[in-house]
Structure formats: structure tokens, C-alpha cells
Amino acid sequence: MTTSSPENPDSLSPVQRAQELRDQLWFHNDRYYNNDAPVISDGQYDALMQELRDLEANYPECRAANSPTQMVGGSPSDRFPQIEHPIPMLSLANAFDRDGLEAWHRRVTDLLDGQRFKMVAELKIDGLAVRLVYRNGEFVLGATRGNGQTGEDVTHNLRQVSSIPHQLVGDYPPVVEARGEVYLPLDSFRRMNVERERAGEPLYANPRNTGAGTIRQLDPTVVRDRNMEIWTYSLNDTGDSPLPGSHWDALSALASWGFRVNRENHIFDTLDEVCDFYDRMLAQRHDWEYEADGLVVKVDSIAQQNALGFAGREPRWAIAYKFPAERANTRLLDIVINVGRTGSLNPQAILEPVVVSGATVQHASLHNEEDIHRKDVRIGDMVEIERAGDVIPHVIGPVPMPGEERGPVFRMPEYCPECETAVVKELGDAMHRCPNSACPAQFFESLKHFVSRGAMDMDGLGERWCRILIDRGLVSDVSHVYSLTMDQLVELDRMGEKLSTRILTNIEASKQRPLARILFALGILHVGAEVAELLSARYASIDDIATASIDDLTEIDGIGPRIAESIVSYFATERNQETIAGLRDAGVRLWQELAPVDAGDQPWKGQTFVITGTLSTMTRREAEGKVKALGASASSSVSRKTNWLVAGESAGSKLATAERLGVPILDEDRLLALLSDPASILIQDAATQESTAASPTLL
């Protein structure tokens, strides 16, 4: 059976196309709900479902009683006892843009005869929906959604989820039925994949499928060991006692009884407020410890919910407002090799075009040969790709397609595809490299990196102009950009005087970049932005770094022998010495404006900072560099070992975690004050941290 649309679906009649869509959707339902192994992304599934809905709405002859549009989920597994749901666990209609959300709002307004209504917006957690039943406060039943009518009794497994209460607290009714989404935290998912990688085992594809499979394990200890969590999102009317009159009050009641309710939930009066909230949540989606794929927007009043009722398998009073998809499945057409600025041979996937996060993706990163072999990715495979935010898409792994023959195992070329020099791979290096420093592909990438925003920031000199400057013979070393003249630039096709002036102005301004930016711009192997900051915090000039020994460099916390060897090798190479001399002759400042912090005088040594949200006076990377220069370390996640959290605008779940753990919190003004007077900071040790845990302070 085919699992993708035909090459020309328009050639089919509406009835034929509807039947084909039903066949595809039943196949994908089985893969998703019953096997936890989907072969298409949620966005691709939603597109197929929407096409079928449209056909059934516009052509009555396309409708069928057994259509996936009328069903929920998959069949319950026969490995667990089956449980009937007294109140069906239904699905939600989707909105993929503001127009779709506004259309839902208009329908609700019309059905309520123009009555005003409040809306509760909640994050749509990407996990496994479950039903929890309590009698006299005791947890007695936990079940999966299954097909909406019948689920699986997984009570024993859900007892291993620490955030599901075994006994309720407070003033709860005799019978409580709650619903929630069980999920695998991202930290646990990453830890599991690190362990599997070390063991040489295939990596798990994503947290949702791994978490769903965990809850369906026959051994409950697996659930406990994987640290599963839950967010509870609704309270059902069991008829035993009166419930709150609004969904918002029901969420508050659940929280008071000991259930875990998401702090990001909000109640709103207008649709504009909901849309603003959506934009904020979309911007923060990578700050959370869990995956969420949109918002669920619900009419708050229970009376109004009852008046609205249901349409097929979906409540009229709620809708899922989806985030742009970040994952999709598509065909790997080829693997090509690009040569990087350090000579690395970088495999790149050529993909059958697919829309991910609102953009059409045709290329994705494959990192290196070891990564390709570990994932067992081969040309011709159906693969899962991810595009998180503005990150370059990468291939997660192959999607099993039973019955398909696979291509041969991929091998790196023996010769550089650009200059035909024999490729080398040193012991301990994950990358194959072209050792020819004069390789034209390496210099092109080096020049692009040197002028880029994160390096010397020569705005206006993009990739196209770098290529033209090289092809015209105007630049054969990165230092040559400082010799460019107005006459040379205006002669270039479509350059013009205005752009030439802008480029030359930015080139001149780049001469005053901080030492760390220059070190990063040089593209020294293994010297990224963080190592460049460490070097500039220790040494006063590039000459001091150039004369440092391996032993000198490894005294710096964060620089090991491999990085030190690369730095020493770079400055010992005659071609690189000529580059440094050219930069000096051009007037580039190769020394610190201020004396660096002495290695033995770092007042914040031993402190760990986490910086989250948006800062107005600097980027987060710059803020991390400043605290590192004072001896502190900067982490990306909050834990009990965190000494300080710096919270900028729109700080997300990291702020909530810090508050829960009692981590002291700094706003931007307080951080700036401490940076200007480093000795004024209250050094936090384990005992101090414990003493402040009861009442975190915004200092």
C-alpha cells in the first residue's frame, strides 16, 4: 500500500481520492497510535486529514461511516486490559494560522448567538493522552486514549510517573477523573540517546514516540527509570458532585488537589490576546523541558461548552492552534560533499522538497561519516528531518519502510572533490579532511566566515560578493579585504557606489573588533566563540597567544591538549603568520583594549550562571562571555547546582524552574551592576543555596 500521495492526485475522481486518503490515514494511524513509529510528520498527517475533510464536506458521495475523520486514535493493545471511557477521549480540530483560529472564533460566536466568552489557552504537549481516576483521593485507574472509546489499562506504569499523585490533598470530591498528557522530558530523552550511542545502539527518533512506547512497556521499572512526567489539562464531570463552572477554575482545583498543571496556561478575553500569547509561546518553545506543538484554545465557561457540544469526533468549544511543524519525513535523494574552511569534508543530504517550520527544505546536515553510519542513513531512504527555529535542518534517522530494499552503506570519498588532494582522517578526529591549505573551497568558506556577523561583521559582504572577489583575484587572503578600494568595488557588476561605501565603512569599523571576535574570525581549528573568549580573557594580545606553549594554554580551564595543539599549530604555519602580519599592517587592533582578568584573580570562579530571555544591552552569548571572563561557568539548563539565573524579557520555563529550586534570580540591571563591581556578588555555595531555597529573590 502506498504511504504518500500519488504523483498526480488531480487525475483521480473525488471519490477515488477520498478512498486513497482513507487508506493512507488508516495506515498512518496504525503506525502512530499502535506502533509508536510514524512514517510521516504530524504536519504531513494533518495535511492529508484536512484534504479528506474538504472532500467529504464538498462531495457528499465521498463520505463514509468508517472514515478516519470520524474516528479517534488507534486500536488499544491486547497486551493490556481494555478500559471503556465513560466520557469519550476525543480529538481536536486544528488551526494552522490566524485565519483558521479566527474562523473557529466566528463559528463559536455564531453558535452562542453573539454571547461574549472567555478563552483558556494551554500549551499542546506532544505526548501520550491519559485518563486518571481517583476514588476517595486514591489513584485507582490510569488508561491511554486508545481509539477514544476504549483505552489500555496502564495503571501500574502510570504509578511510576512521579508527578502523578498517588493520593490527592485538600478538599477533593469522592470521585475525580482528570486527563493529562504524559511525556518524556527532553533531558531524559537526550540522556537515553547518549547512552545508546555509547553502546553502539540505534538512537531513538523523538521524545513523543519514545515516551508513548515507554508507557506501553510491560515492565513498570522502565517507566520509573526514564523519569516520565505529566501535565494535567482537564477535569471531567463524573456526576458524583458539582464541579467548577469554568475550565479555568477546574484547572485551579486540579492544582489544589496535587495535580501538576502547566504554569504557562492563561485566560483571555479577546482573540488578539490569544494570538499575542501564541507568538510569545512560539518564541519560547525551545526553552521548555518538553515538546509542545501548539496551543489548545478552549471556551472557558462549562455552560457554554455544553451548549456548543460536539461535531463528530471533535468538541466545538476547543481547537488546536498548531505551531509550524519542525519535523517531517521525506526521501533522501543523494549525499553530496562540501569542503569547509578547516578542510573538513561535510556530507549534506539532498532531499525531496518538504515543508518544515514554514519553509521548504531540500538540504540537511549529516555531520560526518561516523554519524551517517551510526544512524544507518542510506541514499534512497525515507528519513526524518528536523528544523528547530532557525537551526540548519538535520537528518534524525531513517524511517523503517517494510518491504523496501535499501541502498549501499555510504562511504566518504578518498580524494577532495574540489582539489583532488588525498583525504586524511587523523586518530580521534571525527572528520575527514583535505590537508591542502590552498584548496579553493577552504578559502571561500574561510572568507565567508571571516566577514560574517558573528566574526568581523562586515555587513554587505555576503556569500555572493565573497565569491566574486575571489574569482576577480581581488582577495586571496582574508587580510586582503582591508586593501579593497572604492574604484575596485564600483567596477563590479551591480555593486554601485552606495553599496561600495557601505561595505568599505563596515570594513573600516571591523578593525576595532574585540580580540575574541578576531580569534574566532581567523577560523582556527577547534577555536569557536567560547574558546576565543577564554583566550582573550587570559592574554592581552594575539602575539601573546601566538607565543604560548601547549602547557601554557592547557592551564586555562576549558582548553584541553587537542585545542592547545591546534592553536600552536595555527600560529606556527607560515601562511597564517602572513595573514596576521597583513591584518597588523592594515591597522586591525590585535590587542586588548583593557587588560584581561588575571587567571588567578577571578572573583566568580566556581559560580554557575544560566542566562535566559532577551537582554536589551547585550546578547546572551555576550553576557555569558562576561561572566566567564570573571571565572564563572555558563550553563544552558537550570539545576540545583545553578548559583544564579539571569532573567531577561520573556524568560520561559527556566525562570519557573529556578523559582521552584530556589535559585537566586538576577534581572538585567542587577547583572550590569555586578559586572561593574564584581566583588559585590554574594558567592553562593551549597549551604548558601540551600538557605535561600525557600524564597528565591529577584536581586
Foldseek 3Di string as FASTA:
>chain_A
DDQDDDPCLVVDDLQVSLVVLQVNLLVQLCCCQVVLFGLWDPVVSLVSVVVNVVSVVVPVVNDDPPGPVQWAGAAADPVFDKDFDPQFDFDFAADADVVSVVVLVVVLCVLVVNDFFKKKKDFAFLAWKKKWKAAQFATDFIWTNGTRGMTGTLSLLVVLQVQPDRGWDDDDDRMWMWMKGKWQFPVLLVVVQVVCVVVLHAHDQDGHSVRSVQSVDPDSVSSNVRNIYIAIQAIDCPVRDDDDQWSVVRLVVCVNGRHHHDPLMDMGRDPVVVVVSQVLCLVCQVQDRGHTFFMKMFGTGPVSQVSQQADNRHRSGIHTHGQFAFKTKWAFADWDWAQELQQFTWIKTATDWDAGRNDTDGIAGQGALVSCVSQVDAHGFTFMWGHRDPDGIHTSHGRDDPPDDTDDRDDDDQADPQPRAGWDDDPPRRTIGRPDNQRPSNVLNLLQLLCDCQALVQPLCHSVNSVVCVVVVQDSANLSVLVDDQVVQCVDPPCHNVSSVSRNVSVVVSLADALLSNVQSNVQPPRHSQNSLQVQLAFFFVVVQQPDALVRSCVGPPDDSVNSVSSNVQSVDPVNVVNVVSSVVSNRGGGHPDRHDHPVQQLQAQAEEEEFDADDPDGPVVLQSLNVSSRYHYDPADDLSHQEYEYEPSGPVRVVVCLQQQHAYEYPVVSVVCSVPVNPDDHDDNVNSVVRRVGHYHD
